[in-house]
Amino acid sequence: MATIDVDNLPYADGDFYAFEDLLSDKERDRLHEVRAWLKAEVTPHATDWWNAGSSRTT
């Protein structure tokens, strides 16, 4: 049986409803800015916050 490295799983990153196709270029640029911020500021801590039952605001 293969061992799964749970510390290095890929991030679930998907536009499941294809809403990005409905955005203007300006809105799409903003979306990419928000995603970049989330990746830099939230993703590195999200698992720890989830496991602790908290967030930056609690």
C-alpha atoms as a PDB file:
ATOM      1  CA  MET A   1       0.000   0.000   0.000  1.00  0.00           C
ATOM      2  CA  ALA A   2       1.320   3.430  -0.934  1.00  0.00           C
ATOM      3  CA  THR A   3       1.950   6.043   1.736  1.00  0.00           C
ATOM      4  CA  ILE A   4       0.272   9.422   1.268  1.00  0.00           C
ATOM      5  CA  ASP A   5       2.326  12.470   2.189  1.00  0.00           C
ATOM      6  CA  VAL A   6      -0.484  14.552   3.719  1.00  0.00           C
ATOM      7  CA  ASP A   7       1.829  17.529   4.219  1.00  0.00           C
ATOM      8  CA  ASN A   8       2.335  17.899   0.470  1.00  0.00           C
ATOM      9  CA  LEU A   9      -1.105  17.347  -1.016  1.00  0.00           C
ATOM     10  CA  PRO A  10      -2.061  19.669  -3.876  1.00  0.00           C
ATOM     11  CA  TYR A  11      -4.284  22.603  -3.006  1.00  0.00           C
ATOM     12  CA  ALA A  12      -7.867  22.181  -4.251  1.00  0.00           C
ATOM     13  CA  ASP A  13      -7.891  25.030  -6.716  1.00  0.00           C
ATOM     14  CA  GLY A  14     -10.837  25.096  -9.058  1.00  0.00           C
ATOM     15  CA  ASP A  15     -13.501  27.253 -10.603  1.00  0.00           C
ATOM     16  CA  PHE A  16     -16.140  24.539 -10.285  1.00  0.00           C
ATOM     17  CA  TYR A  17     -18.945  26.713 -11.678  1.00  0.00           C
ATOM     18  CA  ALA A  18     -16.873  28.466 -14.385  1.00  0.00           C
ATOM     19  CA  PHE A  19     -17.850  31.882 -13.013  1.00  0.00           C
ATOM     20  CA  GLU A  20     -14.466  33.332 -13.981  1.00  0.00           C
ATOM     21  CA  ASP A  21     -15.550  33.132 -17.635  1.00  0.00           C
ATOM     22  CA  LEU A  22     -18.334  35.610 -16.844  1.00  0.00           C
ATOM     23  CA  LEU A  23     -15.999  38.290 -15.452  1.00  0.00           C
ATOM     24  CA  SER A  24     -14.620  41.308 -17.256  1.00  0.00           C
ATOM     25  CA  ASP A  25     -10.854  41.603 -17.691  1.00  0.00           C
ATOM     26  CA  LYS A  26     -10.704  44.073 -14.789  1.00  0.00           C
ATOM     27  CA  GLU A  27     -12.713  41.745 -12.531  1.00  0.00           C
ATOM     28  CA  ARG A  28     -10.549  38.779 -13.545  1.00  0.00           C
ATOM     29  CA  ASP A  29      -7.405  40.746 -12.688  1.00  0.00           C
ATOM     30  CA  ARG A  30      -8.830  41.550  -9.256  1.00  0.00           C
ATOM     31  CA  LEU A  31      -9.775  37.911  -8.721  1.00  0.00           C
ATOM     32  CA  HIS A  32      -6.190  36.890  -9.460  1.00  0.00           C
ATOM     33  CA  GLU A  33      -4.941  39.496  -6.963  1.00  0.00           C
ATOM     34  CA  VAL A  34      -7.255  38.116  -4.280  1.00  0.00           C
ATOM     35  CA  ARG A  35      -6.221  34.535  -5.028  1.00  0.00           C
ATOM     36  CA  ALA A  36      -2.539  35.496  -4.825  1.00  0.00           C
ATOM     37  CA  TRP A  37      -3.117  37.184  -1.461  1.00  0.00           C
ATOM     38  CA  LEU A  38      -5.014  34.154  -0.145  1.00  0.00           C
ATOM     39  CA  LYS A  39      -2.240  31.844  -1.308  1.00  0.00           C
ATOM     40  CA  ALA A  40       0.417  33.961   0.413  1.00  0.00           C
ATOM     41  CA  GLU A  41      -1.402  34.938   3.610  1.00  0.00           C
ATOM     42  CA  VAL A  42      -4.014  32.273   4.353  1.00  0.00           C
ATOM     43  CA  THR A  43      -3.034  28.974   2.738  1.00  0.00           C
ATOM     44  CA  PRO A  44       0.171  28.529   4.795  1.00  0.00           C
ATOM     45  CA  HIS A  45      -1.877  28.733   8.023  1.00  0.00           C
ATOM     46  CA  ALA A  46      -5.278  27.317   7.063  1.00  0.00           C
ATOM     47  CA  THR A  47      -4.616  23.722   8.110  1.00  0.00           C
ATOM     48  CA  ASP A  48      -3.279  24.752  11.513  1.00  0.00           C
ATOM     49  CA  TRP A  49      -6.251  27.078  12.076  1.00  0.00           C
ATOM     50  CA  TRP A  50      -8.671  24.340  11.025  1.00  0.00           C
ATOM     51  CA  ASN A  51      -7.061  21.784  13.312  1.00  0.00           C
ATOM     52  CA  ALA A  52      -7.022  24.239  16.226  1.00  0.00           C
ATOM     53  CA  GLY A  53     -10.635  25.247  15.594  1.00  0.00           C
ATOM     54  CA  SER A  54      -9.672  28.899  15.272  1.00  0.00           C
ATOM     55  CA  SER A  55      -8.661  31.591  12.802  1.00  0.00           C
ATOM     56  CA  ARG A  56      -6.652  34.804  12.819  1.00  0.00           C
ATOM     57  CA  THR A  57      -9.719  36.646  14.067  1.00  0.00           C
ATOM     58  CA  THR A  58     -10.546  34.320  16.975  1.00  0.00           C
END
